[in-house]
Structure formats: C-alpha cells, structure tokens
C-alpha cells in the first residue's frame, strides 16, 4: 500500500511513517501541556478522514504543528500522506 502513495512536491519520506505505530518519535513540544495535545487531537479526530490515524502518529503530527517549524501547506501535505498510508 505504501508503494501506491505518490511522493508530494515536498518529497516526504515514507520511511519516516513506517516505524512501529507504538513508537512516538518526536519529543513533546516545549511550553505545551497535555491539555494542549488533548485539544489538538480532539480537533484532528473531529475530521472524519483522520479517524483511522493511529494515536502515536497523530501525536507526532500535533507536535510538528506546535513546534511551528513547518509551514501550514507542508503540514497539510503531511496529513494527506498520513491519510493515504493509514486508510
């Protein structure tokens, strides 16, 4: 299935998404607390197309959002790729 996922213009590595689902790779974003993650995860899973994302993957996505090192467009492309991988 992963081989069917086409690389986006930013060329995201699918290897980064092939790690064991139980492993959270990103450290929690500084200055953010559990409540911030709960709110962000709640908003993420409210969108029907995200319900199949494993929680550790969603937490990684939230961390990337909180860190602010990626543009909104880059985060959206990452989310689209994650949706394709985990459908």
Foldseek 3Di string as FASTA:
>chain_A
DLVPQDADPVRDDCVVVPPPLVDQDDDAAPPDDPVQLVVQVVVQVVPPLRVQQRPSVSRNLVRCVVNPPDDPVVSVVVSVSSSVVRD
